[in-house]
Amino acid sequence: MKSFSESYKAAGVDITAGYKAVDLMKEHIAKTKTSGVISGIGGFGGLFGLGIGNGKLRDVYAATEDLAFGMVCEEFGIIVAFAVLLTFVALVVYSIRYAVAARSSFYAIAACAASGLLLFQAALHVFGVTDLLPWTGVTLPFISRGGSSMMCCWGLVAFIKAIDVKTYKRYDKVAVAKS
């Protein structure tokens, strides 16, 4: 009976891709004498990045799903990476701010929970890439490639949008005018 590694090799799957990424990080850390956190946050790309398609993480298997924040840091730079993080914080601030004026408490609670889920997912991804938490393979909302994750994230944004009073004003006026 073949072992898992033998059957993967027979199928042509490279199971050492994750180790290649770790080796790249260790090599960079040894050259620059920086920690893993600094390497994860723009250590390769610097302030303005290397440019689209010029990153080393592109060679790693499933980097567009599991290492999306690392690829953003490397190819676009740390400025764009912080802008991505600030959009998640802005989404949470938006949902908390408008939850006070929501039509019902259900919408307020659902919107705050949805924005909290998106922020938690983004934090898990960023902390995993920067080596502050174990790498779990959680996708970065709206940036990582993947269909089911993207659909779930848009569903959470629909909950957040449902609390906005301006969304339903037009329909309330139509209902009053008909009666």
Foldseek 3Di string as FASTA:
>chain_A
DDDPVVVCVVVVHDPCLVVVVVVVLVVLCVVVVDDLLCLLQLSQQAAAADAPPPDPLVSRPQCLFQVQLSCCCHHGNNVVSVVLLVVLVVQLVLLQVLLVVFPDVVLSVLLNVLSVVLNVLQVLSSCCSSVVDPRDRRGNAPRGDDDVSPVVNVVSVVSSVNRHPVVCPVVVVVVVVVD
